[in-house]
């Protein structure tokens, strides 16, 4: 939380198996929810992010089976974050 605001971070990710764990692990503590949006990756991005989500209840995985590009991934993250009642959203590249 930042003040009284719920903070979410949207992480669009396509073929980021080398970096996604570090991105999740380096998220600032005031972030309440991390939305990792797997954008039809063909590597182990989804597998790694899912393993991280099992260890960190702040992580929500959104899996896009059809590639929508970074814009589509960000929109998917925003849609879920709004449903979850986040007050502030940021984007951090996967």
Protein backbone atom coordinates (compact mmCIF):
# COMPACT_ATOMS: atom_id res chain seq x y z
CA UNK A 1 0.00 0.00 0.00
CA UNK A 2 1.00 3.53 -0.60
CA UNK A 3 -0.80 5.70 1.92
CA UNK A 4 -4.29 4.26 1.84
CA UNK A 5 -4.11 3.23 -1.83
CA UNK A 6 -3.88 -0.32 -3.18
CA UNK A 7 -1.02 -0.51 -5.67
CA UNK A 8 -0.79 -2.96 -8.55
CA UNK A 9 2.03 -3.59 -11.00
CA UNK A 10 1.31 -4.98 -14.44
CA UNK A 11 4.15 -7.03 -15.92
CA UNK A 12 3.65 -7.81 -19.62
CA UNK A 13 5.82 -10.79 -20.47
CA UNK A 14 6.57 -12.63 -23.70
CA UNK A 15 9.49 -15.07 -23.75
CA UNK A 16 11.08 -13.60 -20.62
CA UNK A 17 12.26 -16.82 -18.96
CA UNK A 18 15.67 -15.31 -18.20
CA UNK A 19 14.26 -12.23 -16.47
CA UNK A 20 10.76 -12.82 -15.10
CA UNK A 21 11.86 -14.26 -11.75
CA UNK A 22 14.12 -11.27 -11.11
CA UNK A 23 11.39 -8.82 -12.06
CA UNK A 24 8.98 -10.44 -9.61
CA UNK A 25 11.60 -10.65 -6.86
CA UNK A 26 12.66 -7.02 -7.26
CA UNK A 27 9.16 -5.55 -7.02
CA UNK A 28 8.98 -2.81 -4.35
CA UNK A 29 7.36 -3.80 -1.08
CA UNK A 30 4.54 -1.26 -1.37
CA UNK A 31 3.13 -3.12 -4.40
CA UNK A 32 0.08 -5.07 -3.23
CA UNK A 33 -0.49 -7.16 -6.36
CA UNK A 34 1.77 -8.15 -9.24
CA UNK A 35 -0.08 -9.02 -12.44
CA UNK A 36 2.19 -11.08 -14.67
CA UNK A 37 0.59 -11.22 -18.10
CA UNK A 38 2.06 -14.06 -20.12
CA UNK A 39 1.50 -13.07 -23.74
CA UNK A 40 1.56 -16.46 -25.48
CA UNK A 41 5.19 -17.16 -24.60
CA UNK A 42 6.86 -20.11 -26.28
CA UNK A 43 9.56 -20.51 -23.62
CA UNK A 44 9.27 -21.22 -19.87
CA UNK A 45 8.00 -17.77 -18.86
CA UNK A 46 4.61 -19.09 -17.75
CA UNK A 47 6.12 -22.02 -15.86
CA UNK A 48 8.58 -19.80 -13.97
CA UNK A 49 5.99 -17.12 -13.18
CA UNK A 50 3.53 -19.76 -11.97
CA UNK A 51 6.17 -21.22 -9.65
CA UNK A 52 6.81 -17.73 -8.26
CA UNK A 53 3.05 -17.21 -7.75
CA UNK A 54 2.93 -20.36 -5.62
CA UNK A 55 5.56 -18.82 -3.32
CA UNK A 56 4.26 -15.24 -3.34
CA UNK A 57 0.55 -14.56 -2.84
CA UNK A 58 0.95 -11.08 -4.34
CA UNK A 59 1.49 -12.60 -7.80
CA UNK A 60 -1.48 -13.10 -10.12
CA UNK A 61 -0.91 -14.85 -13.44
CA UNK A 62 -2.91 -13.88 -16.49
CA UNK A 63 -2.24 -16.25 -19.38
CA UNK A 64 -3.00 -15.04 -22.88
CA UNK A 65 -2.99 -17.99 -25.27
CA UNK A 66 -3.25 -15.69 -28.28
CA UNK A 67 -0.55 -13.05 -28.59
CA UNK A 68 -1.88 -9.53 -28.19
CA UNK A 69 1.41 -7.66 -28.01
CA UNK A 70 2.52 -5.45 -25.17
CA UNK A 71 -0.56 -3.25 -25.50
CA UNK A 72 -2.93 -6.19 -25.29
CA UNK A 73 -1.05 -7.57 -22.30
CA UNK A 74 -1.22 -4.25 -20.48
CA UNK A 75 -4.96 -3.97 -21.17
CA UNK A 76 -5.51 -7.49 -19.82
CA UNK A 77 -3.59 -6.57 -16.68
CA UNK A 78 -5.55 -3.35 -16.22
CA UNK A 79 -8.87 -5.16 -16.62
CA UNK A 80 -8.02 -7.66 -13.88
CA UNK A 81 -6.55 -4.98 -11.60
CA UNK A 82 -9.72 -2.90 -11.87
CA UNK A 83 -11.82 -5.96 -10.95
CA UNK A 84 -9.56 -6.44 -7.93
CA UNK A 85 -10.08 -2.85 -6.78
CA UNK A 86 -6.57 -1.51 -7.27
CA UNK A 87 -6.32 2.26 -6.85
CA UNK A 88 -2.93 2.87 -8.49
CA UNK A 89 -1.37 0.90 -11.36
CA UNK A 90 2.06 0.89 -12.90
CA UNK A 91 3.69 -1.12 -15.65
CA UNK A 92 7.04 -2.84 -15.30
CA UNK A 93 8.46 -4.69 -18.30
CA UNK A 94 8.98 -8.43 -17.90
